[in-house]
Amino acid sequence: MPHVIELDNLSVKLGRREILRRISCRIGRPGAGRAIGLLGPNGAGKSTLIQTLLGFHKPVSGSARILGFDCHHCSTQVKALLGYMPETDSFVANLPAITFIRLLAELSGLPPPAALEKAHETLFHVGLGEARYRPIGTYSLGMKQMAKLAQAIVHGPELVILDEPTNGLDPGARTRMLKLIREMKEDHGMNVILCSHLLRDVEETCDEVVILKDGVIVHQADLEEERRANRRFVELEVSGDDSTLSFALRDIGAEGVSEGGGRWRIVLPGDVEISALWQVAARCSLAVRKLTHRRDTLEEIFLKAVGHIRATPGEAAMAEPKQEVATHGRL
């Protein structure tokens, strides 16, 4: 069974400039309902990749496939599988929303009676049921974003590409949009590509992430696996004789480095609960004065991938415990 997106040595030029440079990856595990975050700084090649998947750009080398179909050579089949929510508005302003969505449903291949029925159903689904007879030009920004989502999903595509879907939305509308995206993959089995500069949106909705920089993939990760394996980084302050604490931490699979004065930085593996530290402190006859913990965020992973920081805080925390272990060994 094919992945959602398969890129093989894909290169794309616009004029003489090479935008995508020989990128290869498999995105979206086979099976229904995967959400993939597409990230990168401005000029990284995100829009070019999306337009290539939509069949607007011909690769100069390599290939791009969606659900097993080549985006260039099988463009008709690909377009039947796709829904696309563009970042910029592309409305006929004086058309009522119901007419506009019905028209796009027919262009996607639905017969007129089914297109009208699906247009009503979809506009109610995105919260525009009461306003479906109003001209789209009279809609607020948030309503226009919902109308763009409606036209992208009205024909029931297998893959929906969303380009900045929460752009300009107030907090309530953003929450509603993210809820709809989760429902698309979890309840309706749609695959989603979410292109957004808001990393929190990607972190809340996506199962996988791909980060582009200068036309190449600099990071690809399964967020579900990272969430399961992601270690916790703990700051611990204790009072008492903590000379045996490093050895007790190793007994539970953790690593720690002393900063003096009872202050410790500790790395816990993903399968060890925070409560284990209280038990370790009790065995060492230590009183806990402070205990805080965190994980690496997607923002930190992104900043490292694009070269804005050298390491995530978690990686920095890991470096010193290893040095501490070596010091103990010499003693």
C-alpha atoms as a PDB file:
ATOM      1  CA  MET A   1       0.000   0.000   0.000  1.00  0.00           C
ATOM      2  CA  PRO A   2       1.539   3.355  -1.010  1.00  0.00           C
ATOM      3  CA  HIS A   3       2.377   6.190   1.359  1.00  0.00           C
ATOM      4  CA  VAL A   4       0.316   9.376   1.155  1.00  0.00           C
ATOM      5  CA  ILE A   5       3.241  11.294  -0.424  1.00  0.00           C
ATOM      6  CA  GLU A   6       6.281   9.726  -2.098  1.00  0.00           C
ATOM      7  CA  LEU A   7       9.062  11.981  -3.381  1.00  0.00           C
ATOM      8  CA  ASP A   8      11.961  10.433  -5.299  1.00  0.00           C
ATOM      9  CA  ASN A   9      14.933  12.668  -6.137  1.00  0.00           C
ATOM     10  CA  LEU A  10      12.493  15.490  -6.895  1.00  0.00           C
ATOM     11  CA  SER A  11      13.905  18.698  -8.377  1.00  0.00           C
ATOM     12  CA  VAL A  12      11.806  21.665  -9.509  1.00  0.00           C
ATOM     13  CA  LYS A  13      12.994  24.865 -11.190  1.00  0.00           C
ATOM     14  CA  LEU A  14      11.186  28.177 -11.632  1.00  0.00           C
ATOM     15  CA  GLY A  15      12.956  29.845 -14.504  1.00  0.00           C
ATOM     16  CA  ARG A  16      16.654  29.226 -13.974  1.00  0.00           C
ATOM     17  CA  ARG A  17      16.379  28.967 -10.204  1.00  0.00           C
ATOM     18  CA  GLU A  18      16.258  25.507  -8.624  1.00  0.00           C
ATOM     19  CA  ILE A  19      13.647  25.695  -5.850  1.00  0.00           C
ATOM     20  CA  LEU A  20      13.443  22.024  -4.806  1.00  0.00           C
ATOM     21  CA  ARG A  21      16.742  20.168  -4.909  1.00  0.00           C
ATOM     22  CA  ARG A  22      16.686  16.379  -5.269  1.00  0.00           C
ATOM     23  CA  ILE A  23      14.450  15.665  -2.292  1.00  0.00           C
ATOM     24  CA  SER A  24      13.361  12.143  -1.428  1.00  0.00           C
ATOM     25  CA  CYS A  25      11.037  10.982   1.345  1.00  0.00           C
ATOM     26  CA  ARG A  26       8.011   8.872   2.230  1.00  0.00           C
ATOM     27  CA  ILE A  27       5.361  10.850   4.100  1.00  0.00           C
ATOM     28  CA  GLY A  28       2.188   9.505   5.667  1.00  0.00           C
ATOM     29  CA  ARG A  29       2.165   5.867   6.708  1.00  0.00           C
ATOM     30  CA  PRO A  30      -0.242   3.677   4.733  1.00  0.00           C
ATOM     31  CA  GLY A  31      -3.680   3.663   6.321  1.00  0.00           C
ATOM     32  CA  ALA A  32      -6.523   6.117   6.740  1.00  0.00           C
ATOM     33  CA  GLY A  33      -6.349   9.435   8.501  1.00  0.00           C
ATOM     34  CA  ARG A  34      -2.797  10.868   8.736  1.00  0.00           C
ATOM     35  CA  ALA A  35      -2.021  14.549   9.248  1.00  0.00           C
ATOM     36  CA  ILE A  36       1.358  15.798   8.019  1.00  0.00           C
ATOM     37  CA  GLY A  37       2.812  19.157   8.988  1.00  0.00           C
ATOM     38  CA  LEU A  38       4.815  20.968   6.295  1.00  0.00           C
ATOM     39  CA  LEU A  39       7.122  23.551   7.856  1.00  0.00           C
ATOM     40  CA  GLY A  40       9.962  25.813   6.829  1.00  0.00           C
ATOM     41  CA  PRO A  41      11.081  29.444   6.799  1.00  0.00           C
ATOM     42  CA  ASN A  42      10.025  31.823   4.031  1.00  0.00           C
ATOM     43  CA  GLY A  43      11.584  30.779   0.721  1.00  0.00           C
ATOM     44  CA  ALA A  44      12.152  27.185   1.839  1.00  0.00           C
ATOM     45  CA  GLY A  45      10.117  25.732  -1.050  1.00  0.00           C
ATOM     46  CA  LYS A  46       6.861  24.845   0.714  1.00  0.00           C
ATOM     47  CA  SER A  47       4.576  26.575  -1.802  1.00  0.00           C
ATOM     48  CA  THR A  48       6.519  25.128  -4.728  1.00  0.00           C
ATOM     49  CA  LEU A  49       6.182  21.627  -3.284  1.00  0.00           C
ATOM     50  CA  ILE A  50       2.429  22.089  -2.815  1.00  0.00           C
ATOM     51  CA  GLN A  51       2.019  23.400  -6.367  1.00  0.00           C
ATOM     52  CA  THR A  52       4.060  20.469  -7.688  1.00  0.00           C
ATOM     53  CA  LEU A  53       1.792  18.033  -5.862  1.00  0.00           C
ATOM     54  CA  LEU A  54      -1.193  19.835  -7.404  1.00  0.00           C
ATOM     55  CA  GLY A  55       0.324  19.365 -10.865  1.00  0.00           C
ATOM     56  CA  PHE A  56       1.117  23.040 -11.556  1.00  0.00           C
ATOM     57  CA  HIS A  57       4.898  22.524 -11.869  1.00  0.00           C
ATOM     58  CA  LYS A  58       6.666  19.891 -13.924  1.00  0.00           C
ATOM     59  CA  PRO A  59       9.711  18.369 -12.176  1.00  0.00           C
ATOM     60  CA  VAL A  60      13.025  18.758 -13.985  1.00  0.00           C
ATOM     61  CA  SER A  61      14.046  15.409 -12.468  1.00  0.00           C
ATOM     62  CA  GLY A  62      12.618  12.770 -10.174  1.00  0.00           C
ATOM     63  CA  SER A  63       8.961  12.280  -9.345  1.00  0.00           C
ATOM     64  CA  ALA A  64       6.222  13.080  -6.862  1.00  0.00           C
ATOM     65  CA  ARG A  65       3.381  10.635  -6.175  1.00  0.00           C
ATOM     66  CA  ILE A  66       0.174  10.977  -4.203  1.00  0.00           C
ATOM     67  CA  LEU A  67      -1.367   7.702  -2.991  1.00  0.00           C
ATOM     68  CA  GLY A  68       0.602   5.894  -5.695  1.00  0.00           C
ATOM     69  CA  PHE A  69      -0.279   8.212  -8.619  1.00  0.00           C
ATOM     70  CA  ASP A  70       2.373  10.310 -10.329  1.00  0.00           C
ATOM     71  CA  CYS A  71       1.448  13.992  -9.926  1.00  0.00           C
ATOM     72  CA  HIS A  72       2.576  14.904 -13.456  1.00  0.00           C
ATOM     73  CA  HIS A  73       1.733  11.863 -15.563  1.00  0.00           C
ATOM     74  CA  CYS A  74      -1.518  10.969 -13.748  1.00  0.00           C
ATOM     75  CA  SER A  75      -2.772  14.470 -12.995  1.00  0.00           C
ATOM     76  CA  THR A  76      -6.437  13.615 -13.664  1.00  0.00           C
ATOM     77  CA  GLN A  77      -6.437  10.784 -11.104  1.00  0.00           C
ATOM     78  CA  VAL A  78      -4.506  12.917  -8.621  1.00  0.00           C
ATOM     79  CA  LYS A  79      -6.914  15.848  -8.862  1.00  0.00           C
ATOM     80  CA  ALA A  80      -9.834  13.474  -8.197  1.00  0.00           C
ATOM     81  CA  LEU A  81      -8.170  12.464  -4.917  1.00  0.00           C
ATOM     82  CA  LEU A  82      -7.278  15.980  -3.775  1.00  0.00           C
ATOM     83  CA  GLY A  83      -8.875  18.880  -1.990  1.00  0.00           C
ATOM     84  CA  TYR A  84      -7.007  22.175  -1.732  1.00  0.00           C
ATOM     85  CA  MET A  85      -7.526  25.132   0.571  1.00  0.00           C
ATOM     86  CA  PRO A  86      -5.305  27.979  -0.735  1.00  0.00           C
ATOM     87  CA  GLU A  87      -3.788  30.632   1.491  1.00  0.00           C
ATOM     88  CA  THR A  88      -5.196  33.503  -0.608  1.00  0.00           C
ATOM     89  CA  ASP A  89      -8.879  34.022  -1.327  1.00  0.00           C
ATOM     90  CA  SER A  90     -10.139  32.910  -4.749  1.00  0.00           C
ATOM     91  CA  PHE A  91     -13.861  33.625  -4.486  1.00  0.00           C
ATOM     92  CA  VAL A  92     -16.489  34.959  -6.873  1.00  0.00           C
ATOM     93  CA  ALA A  93     -17.536  37.628  -4.388  1.00  0.00           C
ATOM     94  CA  ASN A  94     -21.145  38.166  -5.501  1.00  0.00           C
ATOM     95  CA  LEU A  95     -22.031  34.443  -5.496  1.00  0.00           C
ATOM     96  CA  PRO A  96     -23.910  33.037  -2.496  1.00  0.00           C
ATOM     97  CA  ALA A  97     -21.791  30.483  -0.635  1.00  0.00           C
ATOM     98  CA  ILE A  98     -24.176  27.632  -1.496  1.00  0.00           C
ATOM     99  CA  THR A  99     -23.854  28.401  -5.225  1.00  0.00           C
ATOM    100  CA  PHE A 100     -20.077  28.695  -5.059  1.00  0.00           C
ATOM    101  CA  ILE A 101     -19.577  25.442  -3.117  1.00  0.00           C
ATOM    102  CA  ARG A 102     -22.055  23.591  -5.368  1.00  0.00           C
ATOM    103  CA  LEU A 103     -20.206  24.808  -8.461  1.00  0.00           C
ATOM    104  CA  LEU A 104     -16.848  23.580  -7.144  1.00  0.00           C
ATOM    105  CA  ALA A 105     -18.400  20.262  -6.126  1.00  0.00           C
ATOM    106  CA  GLU A 106     -19.600  19.807  -9.715  1.00  0.00           C
ATOM    107  CA  LEU A 107     -16.149  20.734 -11.044  1.00  0.00           C
ATOM    108  CA  SER A 108     -14.761  18.014  -8.769  1.00  0.00           C
ATOM    109  CA  GLY A 109     -16.944  15.434 -10.508  1.00  0.00           C
ATOM    110  CA  LEU A 110     -20.161  15.241  -8.489  1.00  0.00           C
ATOM    111  CA  PRO A 111     -23.451  15.231 -10.465  1.00  0.00           C
ATOM    112  CA  PRO A 112     -25.548  18.396  -9.913  1.00  0.00           C
ATOM    113  CA  PRO A 113     -28.119  16.938  -7.433  1.00  0.00           C
ATOM    114  CA  ALA A 114     -25.380  15.334  -5.307  1.00  0.00           C
ATOM    115  CA  ALA A 115     -23.260  18.505  -5.534  1.00  0.00           C
ATOM    116  CA  LEU A 116     -26.098  20.643  -4.161  1.00  0.00           C
ATOM    117  CA  GLU A 117     -26.816  18.190  -1.359  1.00  0.00           C
ATOM    118  CA  LYS A 118     -23.135  17.996  -0.384  1.00  0.00           C
ATOM    119  CA  ALA A 119     -22.804  21.784  -0.533  1.00  0.00           C
ATOM    120  CA  HIS A 120     -25.606  22.219   2.021  1.00  0.00           C
ATOM    121  CA  GLU A 121     -24.192  19.451   4.213  1.00  0.00           C
ATOM    122  CA  THR A 122     -20.635  20.777   4.130  1.00  0.00           C
ATOM    123  CA  LEU A 123     -21.574  24.397   4.853  1.00  0.00           C
ATOM    124  CA  PHE A 124     -23.526  23.268   7.908  1.00  0.00           C
ATOM    125  CA  HIS A 125     -20.558  21.110   8.926  1.00  0.00           C
ATOM    126  CA  VAL A 126     -18.135  24.077   8.944  1.00  0.00           C
ATOM    127  CA  GLY A 127     -20.603  26.346  10.734  1.00  0.00           C
ATOM    128  CA  LEU A 128     -21.896  28.395   7.785  1.00  0.00           C
ATOM    129  CA  GLY A 129     -25.329  26.827   7.479  1.00  0.00           C
ATOM    130  CA  GLU A 130     -27.237  29.945   8.511  1.00  0.00           C
ATOM    131  CA  ALA A 131     -25.168  32.144   6.175  1.00  0.00           C
ATOM    132  CA  ARG A 132     -25.099  29.856   3.150  1.00  0.00           C
ATOM    133  CA  TYR A 133     -27.324  32.101   1.013  1.00  0.00           C
ATOM    134  CA  ARG A 134     -25.285  35.236   1.667  1.00  0.00           C
ATOM    135  CA  PRO A 135     -22.768  36.445  -0.964  1.00  0.00           C
ATOM    136  CA  ILE A 136     -19.274  35.359   0.031  1.00  0.00           C
ATOM    137  CA  GLY A 137     -18.036  38.918  -0.457  1.00  0.00           C
ATOM    138  CA  THR A 138     -20.029  39.936   2.653  1.00  0.00           C
ATOM    139  CA  TYR A 139     -18.334  37.303   4.837  1.00  0.00           C
ATOM    140  CA  SER A 140     -15.875  38.106   7.613  1.00  0.00           C
ATOM    141  CA  LEU A 141     -12.300  36.804   7.391  1.00  0.00           C
ATOM    142  CA  GLY A 142     -13.090  33.863   9.640  1.00  0.00           C
ATOM    143  CA  MET A 143     -16.166  32.945   7.594  1.00  0.00           C
ATOM    144  CA  LYS A 144     -14.147  33.104   4.373  1.00  0.00           C
ATOM    145  CA  GLN A 145     -11.597  30.701   5.849  1.00  0.00           C
ATOM    146  CA  MET A 146     -14.414  28.275   6.655  1.00  0.00           C
ATOM    147  CA  ALA A 147     -15.807  28.671   3.126  1.00  0.00           C
ATOM    148  CA  LYS A 148     -12.374  27.821   1.707  1.00  0.00           C
ATOM    149  CA  LEU A 149     -12.293  24.706   3.880  1.00  0.00           C
ATOM    150  CA  ALA A 150     -15.795  23.766   2.701  1.00  0.00           C
ATOM    151  CA  GLN A 151     -14.843  23.915  -0.995  1.00  0.00           C
ATOM    152  CA  ALA A 152     -11.759  21.789  -0.271  1.00  0.00           C
ATOM    153  CA  ILE A 153     -13.687  18.925   1.349  1.00  0.00           C
ATOM    154  CA  VAL A 154     -17.121  19.060  -0.314  1.00  0.00           C
ATOM    155  CA  HIS A 155     -16.331  16.195  -2.726  1.00  0.00           C
ATOM    156  CA  GLY A 156     -14.893  13.904  -0.034  1.00  0.00           C
ATOM    157  CA  PRO A 157     -11.223  13.818  -1.113  1.00  0.00           C
ATOM    158  CA  GLU A 158      -8.721  11.304   0.218  1.00  0.00           C
ATOM    159  CA  LEU A 159      -6.070  13.997   0.715  1.00  0.00           C
ATOM    160  CA  VAL A 160      -6.674  17.625   1.701  1.00  0.00           C
ATOM    161  CA  ILE A 161      -3.902  20.231   1.418  1.00  0.00           C
ATOM    162  CA  LEU A 162      -4.461  23.142   3.796  1.00  0.00           C
ATOM    163  CA  ASP A 163      -2.288  26.225   3.291  1.00  0.00           C
ATOM    164  CA  GLU A 164      -2.307  28.449   6.417  1.00  0.00           C
ATOM    165  CA  PRO A 165      -5.880  27.491   7.422  1.00  0.00           C
ATOM    166  CA  THR A 166      -5.839  29.481  10.694  1.00  0.00           C
ATOM    167  CA  ASN A 167      -4.302  32.617   9.189  1.00  0.00           C
ATOM    168  CA  GLY A 168      -5.976  35.714  10.655  1.00  0.00           C
ATOM    169  CA  LEU A 169      -8.463  33.796  12.807  1.00  0.00           C
ATOM    170  CA  ASP A 170      -9.423  34.886  16.305  1.00  0.00           C
ATOM    171  CA  PRO A 171      -8.875  32.324  19.114  1.00  0.00           C
ATOM    172  CA  GLY A 172     -12.415  30.930  18.951  1.00  0.00           C
ATOM    173  CA  ALA A 173     -12.357  30.482  15.170  1.00  0.00           C
ATOM    174  CA  ARG A 174      -8.864  28.958  15.353  1.00  0.00           C
ATOM    175  CA  THR A 175     -10.050  26.397  17.902  1.00  0.00           C
ATOM    176  CA  ARG A 176     -12.998  25.539  15.645  1.00  0.00           C
ATOM    177  CA  MET A 177     -10.736  25.150  12.591  1.00  0.00           C
ATOM    178  CA  LEU A 178      -8.305  22.837  14.405  1.00  0.00           C
ATOM    179  CA  LYS A 179     -11.228  20.769  15.710  1.00  0.00           C
ATOM    180  CA  LEU A 180     -12.504  20.355  12.144  1.00  0.00           C
ATOM    181  CA  ILE A 181      -9.043  19.276  10.954  1.00  0.00           C
ATOM    182  CA  ARG A 182      -8.845  16.624  13.664  1.00  0.00           C
ATOM    183  CA  GLU A 183     -12.345  15.401  12.758  1.00  0.00           C
ATOM    184  CA  MET A 184     -11.357  15.160   9.090  1.00  0.00           C
ATOM    185  CA  LYS A 185      -8.620  12.637   9.847  1.00  0.00           C
ATOM    186  CA  GLU A 186     -10.097  10.865  12.878  1.00  0.00           C
ATOM    187  CA  ASP A 187     -13.791  10.617  11.946  1.00  0.00           C
ATOM    188  CA  HIS A 188     -13.719  10.786   8.138  1.00  0.00           C
ATOM    189  CA  GLY A 189     -10.410   9.036   7.398  1.00  0.00           C
ATOM    190  CA  MET A 190      -9.008  11.905   5.319  1.00  0.00           C
ATOM    191  CA  ASN A 191      -5.284  12.491   4.991  1.00  0.00           C
ATOM    192  CA  VAL A 192      -4.217  16.082   5.607  1.00  0.00           C
ATOM    193  CA  ILE A 193      -1.178  18.147   4.693  1.00  0.00           C
ATOM    194  CA  LEU A 194      -1.074  21.207   6.932  1.00  0.00           C
ATOM    195  CA  CYS A 195       1.235  24.021   5.855  1.00  0.00           C
ATOM    196  CA  SER A 196       1.428  26.585   8.639  1.00  0.00           C
ATOM    197  CA  HIS A 197       3.806  29.069  10.228  1.00  0.00           C
ATOM    198  CA  LEU A 198       2.019  28.463  13.554  1.00  0.00           C
ATOM    199  CA  LEU A 199       3.935  25.558  15.040  1.00  0.00           C
ATOM    200  CA  ARG A 200       1.397  25.078  17.806  1.00  0.00           C
ATOM    201  CA  ASP A 201      -1.279  24.280  15.194  1.00  0.00           C
ATOM    202  CA  VAL A 202       0.954  21.575  13.723  1.00  0.00           C
ATOM    203  CA  GLU A 203       1.829  20.193  17.154  1.00  0.00           C
ATOM    204  CA  GLU A 204      -1.860  19.970  18.114  1.00  0.00           C
ATOM    205  CA  THR A 205      -3.129  18.284  14.944  1.00  0.00           C
ATOM    206  CA  CYS A 206      -0.356  16.454  13.070  1.00  0.00           C
ATOM    207  CA  ASP A 207       1.040  12.926  13.277  1.00  0.00           C
ATOM    208  CA  GLU A 208       4.142  13.623  11.178  1.00  0.00           C
ATOM    209  CA  VAL A 209       6.234  16.661  10.312  1.00  0.00           C
ATOM    210  CA  VAL A 210       8.533  17.585   7.434  1.00  0.00           C
ATOM    211  CA  ILE A 211      10.771  20.659   7.644  1.00  0.00           C
ATOM    212  CA  LEU A 212      12.161  22.270   4.483  1.00  0.00           C
ATOM    213  CA  LYS A 213      15.032  24.731   4.205  1.00  0.00           C
ATOM    214  CA  ASP A 214      16.565  26.051   0.971  1.00  0.00           C
ATOM    215  CA  GLY A 215      14.722  23.452  -1.095  1.00  0.00           C
ATOM    216  CA  VAL A 216      15.844  20.380   0.833  1.00  0.00           C
ATOM    217  CA  ILE A 217      14.356  18.368   3.706  1.00  0.00           C
ATOM    218  CA  VAL A 218      16.308  19.100   6.879  1.00  0.00           C
ATOM    219  CA  HIS A 219      14.107  17.163   9.308  1.00  0.00           C
ATOM    220  CA  GLN A 220      11.409  14.511   9.108  1.00  0.00           C
ATOM    221  CA  ALA A 221       9.805  12.915  12.134  1.00  0.00           C
ATOM    222  CA  ASP A 222       6.870  10.850  13.304  1.00  0.00           C
ATOM    223  CA  LEU A 223       5.445  13.025  16.068  1.00  0.00           C
ATOM    224  CA  GLU A 224       3.590  10.104  17.632  1.00  0.00           C
ATOM    225  CA  GLU A 225       6.854   8.227  18.121  1.00  0.00           C
ATOM    226  CA  GLU A 226       8.619  11.352  19.349  1.00  0.00           C
ATOM    227  CA  ARG A 227       5.847  11.988  21.859  1.00  0.00           C
ATOM    228  CA  ARG A 228       6.191   8.424  23.182  1.00  0.00           C
ATOM    229  CA  ALA A 229       9.996   8.479  23.287  1.00  0.00           C
ATOM    230  CA  ASN A 230      10.470  12.133  24.209  1.00  0.00           C
ATOM    231  CA  ARG A 231      12.480  12.343  27.388  1.00  0.00           C
ATOM    232  CA  ARG A 232      11.679  14.708  30.209  1.00  0.00           C
ATOM    233  CA  PHE A 233      14.255  17.222  31.382  1.00  0.00           C
ATOM    234  CA  VAL A 234      14.002  17.861  35.103  1.00  0.00           C
ATOM    235  CA  GLU A 235      15.390  20.546  37.380  1.00  0.00           C
ATOM    236  CA  LEU A 236      15.606  19.194  40.915  1.00  0.00           C
ATOM    237  CA  GLU A 237      16.663  20.895  44.139  1.00  0.00           C
ATOM    238  CA  VAL A 238      17.201  18.809  47.276  1.00  0.00           C
ATOM    239  CA  SER A 239      18.552  19.285  50.778  1.00  0.00           C
ATOM    240  CA  GLY A 240      20.709  16.690  52.497  1.00  0.00           C
ATOM    241  CA  ASP A 241      23.679  14.553  51.461  1.00  0.00           C
ATOM    242  CA  ASP A 242      23.177  14.037  47.685  1.00  0.00           C
ATOM    243  CA  SER A 243      26.491  12.231  47.047  1.00  0.00           C
ATOM    244  CA  THR A 244      24.737   8.964  46.120  1.00  0.00           C
ATOM    245  CA  LEU A 245      21.959  10.540  44.024  1.00  0.00           C
ATOM    246  CA  SER A 246      23.669  10.076  40.643  1.00  0.00           C
ATOM    247  CA  PHE A 247      24.005   6.323  41.251  1.00  0.00           C
ATOM    248  CA  ALA A 248      20.371   6.048  42.424  1.00  0.00           C
ATOM    249  CA  LEU A 249      19.244   7.874  39.274  1.00  0.00           C
ATOM    250  CA  ARG A 250      21.113   5.423  37.060  1.00  0.00           C
ATOM    251  CA  ASP A 251      19.272   2.570  38.782  1.00  0.00           C
ATOM    252  CA  ILE A 252      15.999   3.850  37.263  1.00  0.00           C
ATOM    253  CA  GLY A 253      17.563   4.575  33.847  1.00  0.00           C
ATOM    254  CA  ALA A 254      17.953   8.333  34.385  1.00  0.00           C
ATOM    255  CA  GLU A 255      21.037  10.494  34.103  1.00  0.00           C
ATOM    256  CA  GLY A 256      21.819  13.498  36.261  1.00  0.00           C
ATOM    257  CA  VAL A 257      24.440  16.197  36.674  1.00  0.00           C
ATOM    258  CA  SER A 258      24.979  18.131  39.893  1.00  0.00           C
ATOM    259  CA  GLU A 259      25.241  21.908  39.705  1.00  0.00           C
ATOM    260  CA  GLY A 260      26.187  22.183  43.397  1.00  0.00           C
ATOM    261  CA  GLY A 261      24.148  23.338  46.355  1.00  0.00           C
ATOM    262  CA  GLY A 262      21.688  20.479  45.950  1.00  0.00           C
ATOM    263  CA  ARG A 263      20.699  21.555  42.418  1.00  0.00           C
ATOM    264  CA  TRP A 264      20.515  18.831  39.735  1.00  0.00           C
ATOM    265  CA  ARG A 265      19.631  18.583  36.083  1.00  0.00           C
ATOM    266  CA  ILE A 266      18.152  15.189  35.242  1.00  0.00           C
ATOM    267  CA  VAL A 267      17.114  13.442  32.030  1.00  0.00           C
ATOM    268  CA  LEU A 268      14.296  10.896  32.412  1.00  0.00           C
ATOM    269  CA  PRO A 269      13.579   8.316  29.676  1.00  0.00           C
ATOM    270  CA  GLY A 270      10.065   8.326  28.242  1.00  0.00           C
ATOM    271  CA  ASP A 271       8.920   5.246  30.192  1.00  0.00           C
ATOM    272  CA  VAL A 272       9.922   6.580  33.635  1.00  0.00           C
ATOM    273  CA  GLU A 273       7.346   8.644  35.500  1.00  0.00           C
ATOM    274  CA  ILE A 274       8.175  11.819  37.397  1.00  0.00           C
ATOM    275  CA  SER A 275       6.931  10.137  40.580  1.00  0.00           C
ATOM    276  CA  ALA A 276       9.991   7.854  40.468  1.00  0.00           C
ATOM    277  CA  LEU A 277      12.158  10.840  41.453  1.00  0.00           C
ATOM    278  CA  TRP A 278      10.258  11.230  44.714  1.00  0.00           C
ATOM    279  CA  GLN A 279      10.960   7.584  45.502  1.00  0.00           C
ATOM    280  CA  VAL A 280      14.664   8.018  44.644  1.00  0.00           C
ATOM    281  CA  ALA A 281      14.888  11.088  46.888  1.00  0.00           C
ATOM    282  CA  ALA A 282      13.253   9.176  49.751  1.00  0.00           C
ATOM    283  CA  ARG A 283      15.724   6.276  49.390  1.00  0.00           C
ATOM    284  CA  CYS A 284      18.618   8.752  49.528  1.00  0.00           C
ATOM    285  CA  SER A 285      17.074  10.502  52.585  1.00  0.00           C
ATOM    286  CA  LEU A 286      16.765  13.772  50.657  1.00  0.00           C
ATOM    287  CA  ALA A 287      14.121  16.471  51.023  1.00  0.00           C
ATOM    288  CA  VAL A 288      12.861  17.873  47.710  1.00  0.00           C
ATOM    289  CA  ARG A 289      12.777  21.678  47.620  1.00  0.00           C
ATOM    290  CA  LYS A 290      11.927  22.125  43.925  1.00  0.00           C
ATOM    291  CA  LEU A 291      11.023  19.893  40.977  1.00  0.00           C
ATOM    292  CA  THR A 292      10.161  21.197  37.504  1.00  0.00           C
ATOM    293  CA  HIS A 293      10.120  19.324  34.204  1.00  0.00           C
ATOM    294  CA  ARG A 294       9.653  19.937  30.470  1.00  0.00           C
ATOM    295  CA  ARG A 295      10.038  18.308  27.040  1.00  0.00           C
ATOM    296  CA  ASP A 296      11.530  19.581  23.800  1.00  0.00           C
ATOM    297  CA  THR A 297       8.844  21.434  21.841  1.00  0.00           C
ATOM    298  CA  LEU A 298       8.240  21.380  18.101  1.00  0.00           C
ATOM    299  CA  GLU A 299       9.390  25.011  18.041  1.00  0.00           C
ATOM    300  CA  GLU A 300      12.795  24.000  19.457  1.00  0.00           C
ATOM    301  CA  ILE A 301      13.064  21.100  17.007  1.00  0.00           C
ATOM    302  CA  PHE A 302      12.192  23.493  14.159  1.00  0.00           C
ATOM    303  CA  LEU A 303      14.737  26.121  15.223  1.00  0.00           C
ATOM    304  CA  LYS A 304      17.468  23.500  15.398  1.00  0.00           C
ATOM    305  CA  ALA A 305      16.511  22.057  11.992  1.00  0.00           C
ATOM    306  CA  VAL A 306      16.742  25.437  10.257  1.00  0.00           C
ATOM    307  CA  GLY A 307      19.982  26.339  12.028  1.00  0.00           C
ATOM    308  CA  HIS A 308      18.770  29.027  14.434  1.00  0.00           C
ATOM    309  CA  ILE A 309      19.953  27.100  17.508  1.00  0.00           C
ATOM    310  CA  ARG A 310      22.714  24.498  17.815  1.00  0.00           C
ATOM    311  CA  ALA A 311      20.781  22.062  20.013  1.00  0.00           C
ATOM    312  CA  THR A 312      17.423  21.714  21.711  1.00  0.00           C
ATOM    313  CA  PRO A 313      17.448  22.272  25.492  1.00  0.00           C
ATOM    314  CA  GLY A 314      17.006  18.531  25.924  1.00  0.00           C
ATOM    315  CA  GLU A 315      20.101  17.735  23.859  1.00  0.00           C
ATOM    316  CA  ALA A 316      22.076  20.333  25.776  1.00  0.00           C
ATOM    317  CA  ALA A 317      20.939  18.745  29.011  1.00  0.00           C
ATOM    318  CA  MET A 318      22.081  15.345  27.772  1.00  0.00           C
ATOM    319  CA  ALA A 319      25.616  16.475  27.023  1.00  0.00           C
ATOM    320  CA  GLU A 320      26.603  17.307  30.580  1.00  0.00           C
ATOM    321  CA  PRO A 321      25.275  14.153  32.295  1.00  0.00           C
ATOM    322  CA  LYS A 322      27.491  12.099  29.993  1.00  0.00           C
ATOM    323  CA  GLN A 323      30.449  14.252  31.015  1.00  0.00           C
ATOM    324  CA  GLU A 324      29.505  13.760  34.670  1.00  0.00           C
ATOM    325  CA  VAL A 325      29.489   9.953  34.284  1.00  0.00           C
ATOM    326  CA  ALA A 326      32.979  10.077  32.749  1.00  0.00           C
ATOM    327  CA  THR A 327      34.204  12.211  35.688  1.00  0.00           C
ATOM    328  CA  HIS A 328      32.891   9.684  38.183  1.00  0.00           C
ATOM    329  CA  GLY A 329      34.695   6.976  36.234  1.00  0.00           C
ATOM    330  CA  ARG A 330      38.064   8.747  36.577  1.00  0.00           C
ATOM    331  CA  LEU A 331      37.531   9.207  40.290  1.00  0.00           C
END
